[in-house]
Amino acid sequence: MKAILNGVLQMTTVDGWVAEATDKKIGAFFGYKNSEGSVGNENDLHMNDDAEALYAALEKLTGLYYKTNSAGKANISSAWIDMMIECLCVSAQFNTYRMLDQYKKYIWHID
């Protein structure tokens, strides 16, 4: 969550805080996802599928990165820069204050 504040693109499996941001254009999300409403099983691993998805995401993002800087000139219309800006915009939502406020309201039921 700290990296996103600096416009760092995210490349991760969908767990933790990033599960709330998969609809945002802030990088690449990969890996096995449980069906809606089901709880995962740590023994149900998809290592080969996840590895292939990781390499595909890495190839895609690296390609975008190198298209952004060509011969020392920045391509300001690059999707990489758009995603960096989106990271900065989205980062305001992911903070400790909001998290604790939601814990108070939805878990601890404190007004």
PDB file of N, CA and C in Angstrom:
ATOM      1  N   MET A   1       0.820  -1.194   0.000  1.00  0.00           N
ATOM      2  CA  MET A   1       0.000   0.000   0.000  1.00  0.00           C
ATOM      3  C   MET A   1       0.861   1.255   0.000  1.00  0.00           C
ATOM      4  N   LYS A   2       2.068   1.182   0.555  1.00  0.00           N
ATOM      5  CA  LYS A   2       2.926   2.369   0.568  1.00  0.00           C
ATOM      6  C   LYS A   2       3.439   2.688  -0.827  1.00  0.00           C
ATOM      7  N   ALA A   3       3.745   1.678  -1.600  1.00  0.00           N
ATOM      8  CA  ALA A   3       4.294   1.897  -2.938  1.00  0.00           C
ATOM      9  C   ALA A   3       3.309   2.627  -3.839  1.00  0.00           C
ATOM     10  N   ILE A   4       2.026   2.305  -3.709  1.00  0.00           N
ATOM     11  CA  ILE A   4       1.015   2.923  -4.567  1.00  0.00           C
ATOM     12  C   ILE A   4       0.977   4.439  -4.368  1.00  0.00           C
ATOM     13  N   LEU A   5       1.323   4.905  -3.165  1.00  0.00           N
ATOM     14  CA  LEU A   5       1.362   6.344  -2.893  1.00  0.00           C
ATOM     15  C   LEU A   5       2.409   7.069  -3.728  1.00  0.00           C
ATOM     16  N   ASN A   6       3.377   6.302  -4.240  1.00  0.00           N
ATOM     17  CA  ASN A   6       4.429   6.875  -5.074  1.00  0.00           C
ATOM     18  C   ASN A   6       4.236   6.554  -6.550  1.00  0.00           C
ATOM     19  N   GLY A   7       3.057   6.082  -6.915  1.00  0.00           N
ATOM     20  CA  GLY A   7       2.770   5.797  -8.313  1.00  0.00           C
ATOM     21  C   GLY A   7       3.372   4.502  -8.809  1.00  0.00           C
ATOM     22  N   VAL A   8       3.724   3.605  -7.901  1.00  0.00           N
ATOM     23  CA  VAL A   8       4.317   2.324  -8.289  1.00  0.00           C
ATOM     24  C   VAL A   8       3.204   1.376  -8.720  1.00  0.00           C
ATOM     25  N   LEU A   9       3.319   0.845  -9.937  1.00  0.00           N
ATOM     26  CA  LEU A   9       2.332  -0.103 -10.428  1.00  0.00           C
ATOM     27  C   LEU A   9       2.351  -1.366  -9.576  1.00  0.00           C
ATOM     28  N   GLN A  10       1.189  -1.958  -9.430  1.00  0.00           N
ATOM     29  CA  GLN A  10       1.042  -3.157  -8.618  1.00  0.00           C
ATOM     30  C   GLN A  10       1.061  -4.396  -9.505  1.00  0.00           C
ATOM     31  N   MET A  11       1.784  -5.399  -9.089  1.00  0.00           N
ATOM     32  CA  MET A  11       1.769  -6.690  -9.770  1.00  0.00           C
ATOM     33  C   MET A  11       1.743  -7.741  -8.674  1.00  0.00           C
ATOM     34  N   THR A  12       0.567  -8.311  -8.449  1.00  0.00           N
ATOM     35  CA  THR A  12       0.392  -9.155  -7.280  1.00  0.00           C
ATOM     36  C   THR A  12      -0.768 -10.120  -7.459  1.00  0.00           C
ATOM     37  N   THR A  13      -0.798 -11.106  -6.584  1.00  0.00           N
ATOM     38  CA  THR A  13      -1.966 -11.972  -6.514  1.00  0.00           C
ATOM     39  C   THR A  13      -3.083 -11.187  -5.834  1.00  0.00           C
ATOM     40  N   VAL A  14      -4.293 -11.656  -5.997  1.00  0.00           N
ATOM     41  CA  VAL A  14      -5.433 -10.939  -5.448  1.00  0.00           C
ATOM     42  C   VAL A  14      -5.695 -11.407  -4.016  1.00  0.00           C
ATOM     43  N   ASP A  15      -5.015 -10.757  -3.081  1.00  0.00           N
ATOM     44  CA  ASP A  15      -5.243 -11.020  -1.671  1.00  0.00           C
ATOM     45  C   ASP A  15      -4.947  -9.751  -0.903  1.00  0.00           C
ATOM     46  N   GLY A  16      -5.332  -9.723   0.338  1.00  0.00           N
ATOM     47  CA  GLY A  16      -5.092  -8.533   1.147  1.00  0.00           C
ATOM     48  C   GLY A  16      -5.828  -7.324   0.607  1.00  0.00           C
ATOM     49  N   TRP A  17      -5.217  -6.168   0.762  1.00  0.00           N
ATOM     50  CA  TRP A  17      -5.860  -4.908   0.390  1.00  0.00           C
ATOM     51  C   TRP A  17      -6.164  -4.815  -1.095  1.00  0.00           C
ATOM     52  N   VAL A  18      -5.342  -5.435  -1.923  1.00  0.00           N
ATOM     53  CA  VAL A  18      -5.479  -5.274  -3.368  1.00  0.00           C
ATOM     54  C   VAL A  18      -6.762  -5.918  -3.907  1.00  0.00           C
ATOM     55  N   ALA A  19      -7.371  -6.801  -3.123  1.00  0.00           N
ATOM     56  CA  ALA A  19      -8.639  -7.405  -3.547  1.00  0.00           C
ATOM     57  C   ALA A  19      -9.705  -6.334  -3.789  1.00  0.00           C
ATOM     58  N   GLU A  20      -9.584  -5.202  -3.095  1.00  0.00           N
ATOM     59  CA  GLU A  20     -10.534  -4.102  -3.276  1.00  0.00           C
ATOM     60  C   GLU A  20     -10.215  -3.254  -4.499  1.00  0.00           C
ATOM     61  N   ALA A  21      -9.076  -3.484  -5.128  1.00  0.00           N
ATOM     62  CA  ALA A  21      -8.635  -2.591  -6.200  1.00  0.00           C
ATOM     63  C   ALA A  21      -8.508  -3.272  -7.554  1.00  0.00           C
ATOM     64  N   THR A  22      -8.994  -4.486  -7.688  1.00  0.00           N
ATOM     65  CA  THR A  22      -8.805  -5.202  -8.948  1.00  0.00           C
ATOM     66  C   THR A  22      -9.550  -4.574 -10.118  1.00  0.00           C
ATOM     67  N   ASP A  23     -10.543  -3.752  -9.836  1.00  0.00           N
ATOM     68  CA  ASP A  23     -11.263  -3.082 -10.919  1.00  0.00           C
ATOM     69  C   ASP A  23     -10.587  -1.783 -11.352  1.00  0.00           C
ATOM     70  N   LYS A  24      -9.521  -1.419 -10.665  1.00  0.00           N
ATOM     71  CA  LYS A  24      -8.772  -0.206 -11.000  1.00  0.00           C
ATOM     72  C   LYS A  24      -7.643  -0.555 -11.965  1.00  0.00           C
ATOM     73  N   LYS A  25      -7.226   0.384 -12.744  1.00  0.00           N
ATOM     74  CA  LYS A  25      -6.119   0.163 -13.686  1.00  0.00           C
ATOM     75  C   LYS A  25      -4.822   0.625 -13.040  1.00  0.00           C
ATOM     76  N   ILE A  26      -4.333  -0.205 -12.092  1.00  0.00           N
ATOM     77  CA  ILE A  26      -3.132   0.164 -11.334  1.00  0.00           C
ATOM     78  C   ILE A  26      -2.018  -0.864 -11.485  1.00  0.00           C
ATOM     79  N   GLY A  27      -2.138  -1.752 -12.463  1.00  0.00           N
ATOM     80  CA  GLY A  27      -1.104  -2.751 -12.674  1.00  0.00           C
ATOM     81  C   GLY A  27      -1.688  -4.042 -13.191  1.00  0.00           C
ATOM     82  N   ALA A  28      -1.115  -5.154 -12.730  1.00  0.00           N
ATOM     83  CA  ALA A  28      -1.554  -6.469 -13.183  1.00  0.00           C
ATOM     84  C   ALA A  28      -1.803  -7.365 -11.980  1.00  0.00           C
ATOM     85  N   PHE A  29      -2.931  -8.055 -12.004  1.00  0.00           N
ATOM     86  CA  PHE A  29      -3.291  -8.993 -10.946  1.00  0.00           C
ATOM     87  C   PHE A  29      -3.356 -10.373 -11.565  1.00  0.00           C
ATOM     88  N   PHE A  30      -2.800 -11.333 -10.882  1.00  0.00           N
ATOM     89  CA  PHE A  30      -2.738 -12.669 -11.445  1.00  0.00           C
ATOM     90  C   PHE A  30      -2.971 -13.700 -10.362  1.00  0.00           C
ATOM     91  N   GLY A  31      -3.091 -14.930 -10.789  1.00  0.00           N
ATOM     92  CA  GLY A  31      -3.200 -16.034  -9.859  1.00  0.00           C
ATOM     93  C   GLY A  31      -4.608 -16.571  -9.733  1.00  0.00           C
ATOM     94  N   TYR A  32      -4.693 -17.701  -9.097  1.00  0.00           N
ATOM     95  CA  TYR A  32      -5.953 -18.398  -8.907  1.00  0.00           C
ATOM     96  C   TYR A  32      -6.884 -17.583  -8.016  1.00  0.00           C
ATOM     97  N   LYS A  33      -8.146 -17.552  -8.385  1.00  0.00           N
ATOM     98  CA  LYS A  33      -9.156 -16.865  -7.577  1.00  0.00           C
ATOM     99  C   LYS A  33     -10.246 -17.862  -7.224  1.00  0.00           C
ATOM    100  N   ASN A  34     -10.625 -17.900  -5.976  1.00  0.00           N
ATOM    101  CA  ASN A  34     -11.731 -18.756  -5.553  1.00  0.00           C
ATOM    102  C   ASN A  34     -13.024 -18.231  -6.140  1.00  0.00           C
ATOM    103  N   SER A  35     -14.003 -19.110  -6.278  1.00  0.00           N
ATOM    104  CA  SER A  35     -15.303 -18.666  -6.759  1.00  0.00           C
ATOM    105  C   SER A  35     -15.933 -17.736  -5.720  1.00  0.00           C
ATOM    106  N   GLU A  36     -16.789 -16.875  -6.182  1.00  0.00           N
ATOM    107  CA  GLU A  36     -17.431 -15.876  -5.326  1.00  0.00           C
ATOM    108  C   GLU A  36     -18.115 -16.536  -4.136  1.00  0.00           C
ATOM    109  N   GLY A  37     -17.820 -16.042  -2.949  1.00  0.00           N
ATOM    110  CA  GLY A  37     -18.448 -16.538  -1.743  1.00  0.00           C
ATOM    111  C   GLY A  37     -17.791 -17.765  -1.123  1.00  0.00           C
ATOM    112  N   SER A  38     -16.769 -18.316  -1.777  1.00  0.00           N
ATOM    113  CA  SER A  38     -16.111 -19.493  -1.205  1.00  0.00           C
ATOM    114  C   SER A  38     -14.817 -19.086  -0.509  1.00  0.00           C
ATOM    115  N   VAL A  39     -14.442 -19.877   0.469  1.00  0.00           N
ATOM    116  CA  VAL A  39     -13.213 -19.645   1.208  1.00  0.00           C
ATOM    117  C   VAL A  39     -12.146 -20.570   0.640  1.00  0.00           C
ATOM    118  N   GLY A  40     -10.958 -20.042   0.445  1.00  0.00           N
ATOM    119  CA  GLY A  40      -9.886 -20.837  -0.134  1.00  0.00           C
ATOM    120  C   GLY A  40      -9.327 -21.876   0.824  1.00  0.00           C
ATOM    121  N   ASN A  41      -8.617 -22.809   0.255  1.00  0.00           N
ATOM    122  CA  ASN A  41      -7.959 -23.861   1.005  1.00  0.00           C
ATOM    123  C   ASN A  41      -6.471 -23.758   0.703  1.00  0.00           C
ATOM    124  N   GLU A  42      -5.649 -23.621   1.716  1.00  0.00           N
ATOM    125  CA  GLU A  42      -4.214 -23.446   1.502  1.00  0.00           C
ATOM    126  C   GLU A  42      -3.572 -24.652   0.836  1.00  0.00           C
ATOM    127  N   ASN A  43      -4.227 -25.804   0.864  1.00  0.00           N
ATOM    128  CA  ASN A  43      -3.680 -26.989   0.209  1.00  0.00           C
ATOM    129  C   ASN A  43      -4.061 -27.061  -1.263  1.00  0.00           C
ATOM    130  N   ASP A  44      -4.974 -26.196  -1.694  1.00  0.00           N
ATOM    131  CA  ASP A  44      -5.422 -26.171  -3.085  1.00  0.00           C
ATOM    132  C   ASP A  44      -4.545 -25.193  -3.869  1.00  0.00           C
ATOM    133  N   LEU A  45      -3.346 -25.624  -4.186  1.00  0.00           N
ATOM    134  CA  LEU A  45      -2.372 -24.758  -4.847  1.00  0.00           C
ATOM    135  C   LEU A  45      -2.470 -24.871  -6.361  1.00  0.00           C
ATOM    136  N   HIS A  46      -2.184 -23.796  -7.011  1.00  0.00           N
ATOM    137  CA  HIS A  46      -2.202 -23.726  -8.476  1.00  0.00           C
ATOM    138  C   HIS A  46      -0.874 -23.119  -8.931  1.00  0.00           C
ATOM    139  N   MET A  47       0.198 -23.713  -8.478  1.00  0.00           N
ATOM    140  CA  MET A  47       1.530 -23.137  -8.677  1.00  0.00           C
ATOM    141  C   MET A  47       1.885 -22.940 -10.149  1.00  0.00           C
ATOM    142  N   ASN A  48       1.644 -23.919 -10.995  1.00  0.00           N
ATOM    143  CA  ASN A  48       2.006 -23.792 -12.411  1.00  0.00           C
ATOM    144  C   ASN A  48       1.173 -22.729 -13.104  1.00  0.00           C
ATOM    145  N   ASP A  49      -0.127 -22.726 -12.839  1.00  0.00           N
ATOM    146  CA  ASP A  49      -1.005 -21.711 -13.435  1.00  0.00           C
ATOM    147  C   ASP A  49      -0.626 -20.313 -12.950  1.00  0.00           C
ATOM    148  N   ASP A  50      -0.358 -20.195 -11.655  1.00  0.00           N
ATOM    149  CA  ASP A  50       0.027 -18.898 -11.098  1.00  0.00           C
ATOM    150  C   ASP A  50       1.355 -18.431 -11.677  1.00  0.00           C
ATOM    151  N   ALA A  51       2.298 -19.345 -11.850  1.00  0.00           N
ATOM    152  CA  ALA A  51       3.606 -18.985 -12.415  1.00  0.00           C
ATOM    153  C   ALA A  51       3.441 -18.494 -13.850  1.00  0.00           C
ATOM    154  N   GLU A  52       2.639 -19.186 -14.627  1.00  0.00           N
ATOM    155  CA  GLU A  52       2.409 -18.756 -16.020  1.00  0.00           C
ATOM    156  C   GLU A  52       1.752 -17.383 -16.060  1.00  0.00           C
ATOM    157  N   ALA A  53       0.787 -17.163 -15.182  1.00  0.00           N
ATOM    158  CA  ALA A  53       0.107 -15.866 -15.127  1.00  0.00           C
ATOM    159  C   ALA A  53       1.070 -14.763 -14.691  1.00  0.00           C
ATOM    160  N   LEU A  54       1.966 -15.081 -13.757  1.00  0.00           N
ATOM    161  CA  LEU A  54       2.973 -14.107 -13.314  1.00  0.00           C
ATOM    162  C   LEU A  54       3.879 -13.706 -14.462  1.00  0.00           C
ATOM    163  N   TYR A  55       4.380 -14.683 -15.209  1.00  0.00           N
ATOM    164  CA  TYR A  55       5.276 -14.371 -16.327  1.00  0.00           C
ATOM    165  C   TYR A  55       4.559 -13.578 -17.418  1.00  0.00           C
ATOM    166  N   ALA A  56       3.302 -13.896 -17.669  1.00  0.00           N
ATOM    167  CA  ALA A  56       2.529 -13.143 -18.670  1.00  0.00           C
ATOM    168  C   ALA A  56       2.340 -11.695 -18.218  1.00  0.00           C
ATOM    169  N   ALA A  57       2.013 -11.500 -16.941  1.00  0.00           N
ATOM    170  CA  ALA A  57       1.835 -10.145 -16.407  1.00  0.00           C
ATOM    171  C   ALA A  57       3.148  -9.379 -16.440  1.00  0.00           C
ATOM    172  N   LEU A  58       4.226 -10.046 -16.080  1.00  0.00           N
ATOM    173  CA  LEU A  58       5.543  -9.422 -16.090  1.00  0.00           C
ATOM    174  C   LEU A  58       5.935  -9.000 -17.504  1.00  0.00           C
ATOM    175  N   GLU A  59       5.680  -9.857 -18.464  1.00  0.00           N
ATOM    176  CA  GLU A  59       5.992  -9.534 -19.857  1.00  0.00           C
ATOM    177  C   GLU A  59       5.178  -8.335 -20.343  1.00  0.00           C
ATOM    178  N   LYS A  60       3.907  -8.312 -19.985  1.00  0.00           N
ATOM    179  CA  LYS A  60       3.036  -7.205 -20.397  1.00  0.00           C
ATOM    180  C   LYS A  60       3.504  -5.882 -19.784  1.00  0.00           C
ATOM    181  N   LEU A  61       3.724  -5.874 -18.464  1.00  0.00           N
ATOM    182  CA  LEU A  61       4.118  -4.625 -17.806  1.00  0.00           C
ATOM    183  C   LEU A  61       5.517  -4.174 -18.208  1.00  0.00           C
ATOM    184  N   THR A  62       6.431  -5.115 -18.400  1.00  0.00           N
ATOM    185  CA  THR A  62       7.782  -4.711 -18.820  1.00  0.00           C
ATOM    186  C   THR A  62       7.729  -4.091 -20.205  1.00  0.00           C
ATOM    187  N   GLY A  63       6.917  -4.674 -21.079  1.00  0.00           N
ATOM    188  CA  GLY A  63       6.760  -4.099 -22.417  1.00  0.00           C
ATOM    189  C   GLY A  63       6.241  -2.671 -22.356  1.00  0.00           C
ATOM    190  N   LEU A  64       5.244  -2.438 -21.495  1.00  0.00           N
ATOM    191  CA  LEU A  64       4.715  -1.077 -21.333  1.00  0.00           C
ATOM    192  C   LEU A  64       5.781  -0.126 -20.801  1.00  0.00           C
ATOM    193  N   TYR A  65       6.561  -0.610 -19.854  1.00  0.00           N
ATOM    194  CA  TYR A  65       7.612   0.224 -19.258  1.00  0.00           C
ATOM    195  C   TYR A  65       8.627   0.661 -20.314  1.00  0.00           C
ATOM    196  N   TYR A  66       9.082  -0.276 -21.112  1.00  0.00           N
ATOM    197  CA  TYR A  66      10.102   0.071 -22.105  1.00  0.00           C
ATOM    198  C   TYR A  66       9.544   0.894 -23.258  1.00  0.00           C
ATOM    199  N   LYS A  67       8.243   0.801 -23.522  1.00  0.00           N
ATOM    200  CA  LYS A  67       7.629   1.664 -24.535  1.00  0.00           C
ATOM    201  C   LYS A  67       7.505   3.100 -24.025  1.00  0.00           C
ATOM    202  N   THR A  68       7.508   3.264 -22.717  1.00  0.00           N
ATOM    203  CA  THR A  68       7.352   4.589 -22.113  1.00  0.00           C
ATOM    204  C   THR A  68       8.603   5.429 -22.279  1.00  0.00           C
ATOM    205  N   ASN A  69       9.750   4.806 -22.211  1.00  0.00           N
ATOM    206  CA  ASN A  69      11.011   5.537 -22.361  1.00  0.00           C
ATOM    207  C   ASN A  69      11.758   4.980 -23.553  1.00  0.00           C
ATOM    208  N   SER A  70      11.743   5.732 -24.625  1.00  0.00           N
ATOM    209  CA  SER A  70      12.415   5.297 -25.845  1.00  0.00           C
ATOM    210  C   SER A  70      13.508   6.297 -26.186  1.00  0.00           C
ATOM    211  N   ALA A  71      14.734   5.836 -26.149  1.00  0.00           N
ATOM    212  CA  ALA A  71      15.893   6.668 -26.487  1.00  0.00           C
ATOM    213  C   ALA A  71      15.958   7.919 -25.611  1.00  0.00           C
ATOM    214  N   GLY A  72      15.610   7.776 -24.333  1.00  0.00           N
ATOM    215  CA  GLY A  72      15.707   8.890 -23.400  1.00  0.00           C
ATOM    216  C   GLY A  72      14.554   9.871 -23.456  1.00  0.00           C
ATOM    217  N   LYS A  73      13.547   9.592 -24.263  1.00  0.00           N
ATOM    218  CA  LYS A  73      12.386  10.477 -24.356  1.00  0.00           C
ATOM    219  C   LYS A  73      11.165   9.762 -23.810  1.00  0.00           C
ATOM    220  N   ALA A  74      10.457  10.445 -22.928  1.00  0.00           N
ATOM    221  CA  ALA A  74       9.258   9.858 -22.322  1.00  0.00           C
ATOM    222  C   ALA A  74       8.074   9.978 -23.261  1.00  0.00           C
ATOM    223  N   ASN A  75       7.367   8.892 -23.421  1.00  0.00           N
ATOM    224  CA  ASN A  75       6.135   8.881 -24.193  1.00  0.00           C
ATOM    225  C   ASN A  75       4.997   9.167 -23.210  1.00  0.00           C
ATOM    226  N   ILE A  76       4.560  10.409 -23.148  1.00  0.00           N
ATOM    227  CA  ILE A  76       3.577  10.793 -22.131  1.00  0.00           C
ATOM    228  C   ILE A  76       2.187  10.222 -22.394  1.00  0.00           C
ATOM    229  N   SER A  77       1.978   9.642 -23.553  1.00  0.00           N
ATOM    230  CA  SER A  77       0.687   9.007 -23.816  1.00  0.00           C
ATOM    231  C   SER A  77       0.734   7.507 -23.506  1.00  0.00           C
ATOM    232  N   SER A  78       1.762   7.082 -22.804  1.00  0.00           N
ATOM    233  CA  SER A  78       1.938   5.665 -22.464  1.00  0.00           C
ATOM    234  C   SER A  78       0.919   5.195 -21.443  1.00  0.00           C
ATOM    235  N   ALA A  79       0.477   3.965 -21.597  1.00  0.00           N
ATOM    236  CA  ALA A  79      -0.434   3.348 -20.625  1.00  0.00           C
ATOM    237  C   ALA A  79       0.257   3.203 -19.269  1.00  0.00           C
ATOM    238  N   TRP A  80       1.573   3.079 -19.259  1.00  0.00           N
ATOM    239  CA  TRP A  80       2.323   2.978 -17.995  1.00  0.00           C
ATOM    240  C   TRP A  80       2.112   4.240 -17.162  1.00  0.00           C
ATOM    241  N   ILE A  81       2.247   5.395 -17.805  1.00  0.00           N
ATOM    242  CA  ILE A  81       2.064   6.668 -17.096  1.00  0.00           C
ATOM    243  C   ILE A  81       0.617   6.822 -16.652  1.00  0.00           C
ATOM    244  N   ASP A  82      -0.323   6.399 -17.491  1.00  0.00           N
ATOM    245  CA  ASP A  82      -1.736   6.438 -17.088  1.00  0.00           C
ATOM    246  C   ASP A  82      -1.964   5.600 -15.833  1.00  0.00           C
ATOM    247  N   MET A  83      -1.339   4.418 -15.775  1.00  0.00           N
ATOM    248  CA  MET A  83      -1.493   3.559 -14.596  1.00  0.00           C
ATOM    249  C   MET A  83      -0.817   4.165 -13.373  1.00  0.00           C
ATOM    250  N   MET A  84       0.301   4.852 -13.559  1.00  0.00           N
ATOM    251  CA  MET A  84       0.959   5.535 -12.436  1.00  0.00           C
ATOM    252  C   MET A  84       0.034   6.604 -11.858  1.00  0.00           C
ATOM    253  N   ILE A  85      -0.588   7.364 -12.727  1.00  0.00           N
ATOM    254  CA  ILE A  85      -1.509   8.413 -12.282  1.00  0.00           C
ATOM    255  C   ILE A  85      -2.705   7.784 -11.571  1.00  0.00           C
ATOM    256  N   GLU A  86      -3.210   6.691 -12.104  1.00  0.00           N
ATOM    257  CA  GLU A  86      -4.328   5.994 -11.463  1.00  0.00           C
ATOM    258  C   GLU A  86      -3.929   5.485 -10.078  1.00  0.00           C
ATOM    259  N   CYS A  87      -2.686   5.014  -9.938  1.00  0.00           N
ATOM    260  CA  CYS A  87      -2.195   4.578  -8.622  1.00  0.00           C
ATOM    261  C   CYS A  87      -2.285   5.725  -7.619  1.00  0.00           C
ATOM    262  N   LEU A  88      -1.833   6.894  -8.031  1.00  0.00           N
ATOM    263  CA  LEU A  88      -1.884   8.055  -7.145  1.00  0.00           C
ATOM    264  C   LEU A  88      -3.321   8.419  -6.782  1.00  0.00           C
ATOM    265  N   CYS A  89      -4.218   8.353  -7.761  1.00  0.00           N
ATOM    266  CA  CYS A  89      -5.624   8.685  -7.504  1.00  0.00           C
ATOM    267  C   CYS A  89      -6.268   7.682  -6.553  1.00  0.00           C
ATOM    268  N   VAL A  90      -6.003   6.418  -6.763  1.00  0.00           N
ATOM    269  CA  VAL A  90      -6.601   5.352  -5.961  1.00  0.00           C
ATOM    270  C   VAL A  90      -6.003   5.293  -4.565  1.00  0.00           C
ATOM    271  N   SER A  91      -4.773   5.721  -4.421  1.00  0.00           N
ATOM    272  CA  SER A  91      -4.062   5.569  -3.149  1.00  0.00           C
ATOM    273  C   SER A  91      -4.762   6.272  -1.991  1.00  0.00           C
ATOM    274  N   ALA A  92      -5.522   7.325  -2.264  1.00  0.00           N
ATOM    275  CA  ALA A  92      -6.216   8.044  -1.192  1.00  0.00           C
ATOM    276  C   ALA A  92      -7.224   7.145  -0.481  1.00  0.00           C
ATOM    277  N   GLN A  93      -7.752   6.147  -1.188  1.00  0.00           N
ATOM    278  CA  GLN A  93      -8.753   5.253  -0.593  1.00  0.00           C
ATOM    279  C   GLN A  93      -8.107   4.259   0.369  1.00  0.00           C
ATOM    280  N   PHE A  94      -6.854   3.913   0.155  1.00  0.00           N
ATOM    281  CA  PHE A  94      -6.220   2.856   0.935  1.00  0.00           C
ATOM    282  C   PHE A  94      -5.334   3.457   2.010  1.00  0.00           C
ATOM    283  N   ASN A  95      -5.931   3.655   3.182  1.00  0.00           N
ATOM    284  CA  ASN A  95      -5.188   4.234   4.294  1.00  0.00           C
ATOM    285  C   ASN A  95      -5.689   3.650   5.613  1.00  0.00           C
ATOM    286  N   THR A  96      -4.903   3.819   6.642  1.00  0.00           N
ATOM    287  CA  THR A  96      -5.207   3.251   7.949  1.00  0.00           C
ATOM    288  C   THR A  96      -6.457   3.873   8.549  1.00  0.00           C
ATOM    289  N   TYR A  97      -6.671   5.164   8.334  1.00  0.00           N
ATOM    290  CA  TYR A  97      -7.853   5.831   8.887  1.00  0.00           C
ATOM    291  C   TYR A  97      -9.131   5.163   8.379  1.00  0.00           C
ATOM    292  N   ARG A  98      -9.219   4.969   7.060  1.00  0.00           N
ATOM    293  CA  ARG A  98     -10.414   4.344   6.487  1.00  0.00           C
ATOM    294  C   ARG A  98     -10.571   2.921   7.004  1.00  0.00           C
ATOM    295  N   MET A  99      -9.469   2.191   7.075  1.00  0.00           N
ATOM    296  CA  MET A  99      -9.516   0.812   7.542  1.00  0.00           C
ATOM    297  C   MET A  99     -10.069   0.742   8.968  1.00  0.00           C
ATOM    298  N   LEU A 100      -9.521   1.568   9.864  1.00  0.00           N
ATOM    299  CA  LEU A 100      -9.983   1.555  11.252  1.00  0.00           C
ATOM    300  C   LEU A 100     -11.422   2.030  11.371  1.00  0.00           C
ATOM    301  N   ASP A 101     -11.791   3.011  10.558  1.00  0.00           N
ATOM    302  CA  ASP A 101     -13.162   3.497  10.561  1.00  0.00           C
ATOM    303  C   ASP A 101     -14.127   2.381  10.159  1.00  0.00           C
ATOM    304  N   GLN A 102     -13.761   1.603   9.148  1.00  0.00           N
ATOM    305  CA  GLN A 102     -14.606   0.484   8.735  1.00  0.00           C
ATOM    306  C   GLN A 102     -14.615  -0.631   9.779  1.00  0.00           C
ATOM    307  N   TYR A 103     -13.491  -0.897  10.426  1.00  0.00           N
ATOM    308  CA  TYR A 103     -13.456  -1.887  11.504  1.00  0.00           C
ATOM    309  C   TYR A 103     -14.417  -1.468  12.617  1.00  0.00           C
ATOM    310  N   LYS A 104     -14.343  -0.167  13.006  1.00  0.00           N
ATOM    311  CA  LYS A 104     -15.226   0.328  14.061  1.00  0.00           C
ATOM    312  C   LYS A 104     -16.691   0.125  13.679  1.00  0.00           C
ATOM    313  N   LYS A 105     -17.026   0.439  12.460  1.00  0.00           N
ATOM    314  CA  LYS A 105     -18.425   0.406  12.032  1.00  0.00           C
ATOM    315  C   LYS A 105     -18.922  -1.023  11.789  1.00  0.00           C
ATOM    316  N   TYR A 106     -18.187  -1.806  11.014  1.00  0.00           N
ATOM    317  CA  TYR A 106     -18.696  -3.094  10.555  1.00  0.00           C
ATOM    318  C   TYR A 106     -18.300  -4.295  11.422  1.00  0.00           C
ATOM    319  N   ILE A 107     -17.212  -4.198  12.132  1.00  0.00           N
ATOM    320  CA  ILE A 107     -16.756  -5.344  12.931  1.00  0.00           C
ATOM    321  C   ILE A 107     -17.033  -5.113  14.411  1.00  0.00           C
ATOM    322  N   TRP A 108     -16.619  -3.962  14.910  1.00  0.00           N
ATOM    323  CA  TRP A 108     -16.763  -3.677  16.330  1.00  0.00           C
ATOM    324  C   TRP A 108     -18.104  -3.012  16.663  1.00  0.00           C
ATOM    325  N   HIS A 109     -18.820  -2.558  15.638  1.00  0.00           N
ATOM    326  CA  HIS A 109     -20.135  -1.898  15.800  1.00  0.00           C
ATOM    327  C   HIS A 109     -20.082  -0.729  16.775  1.00  0.00           C
ATOM    328  N   ILE A 110     -19.102   0.131  16.563  1.00  0.00           N
ATOM    329  CA  ILE A 110     -18.931   1.346  17.356  1.00  0.00           C
ATOM    330  C   ILE A 110     -19.333   2.535  16.480  1.00  0.00           C
ATOM    331  N   ASP A 111     -20.190   3.386  17.008  1.00  0.00           N
ATOM    332  CA  ASP A 111     -20.617   4.571  16.225  1.00  0.00           C
ATOM    333  C   ASP A 111     -19.644   5.688  16.339  1.00  0.00           C
TER     334      ASP A 111
END
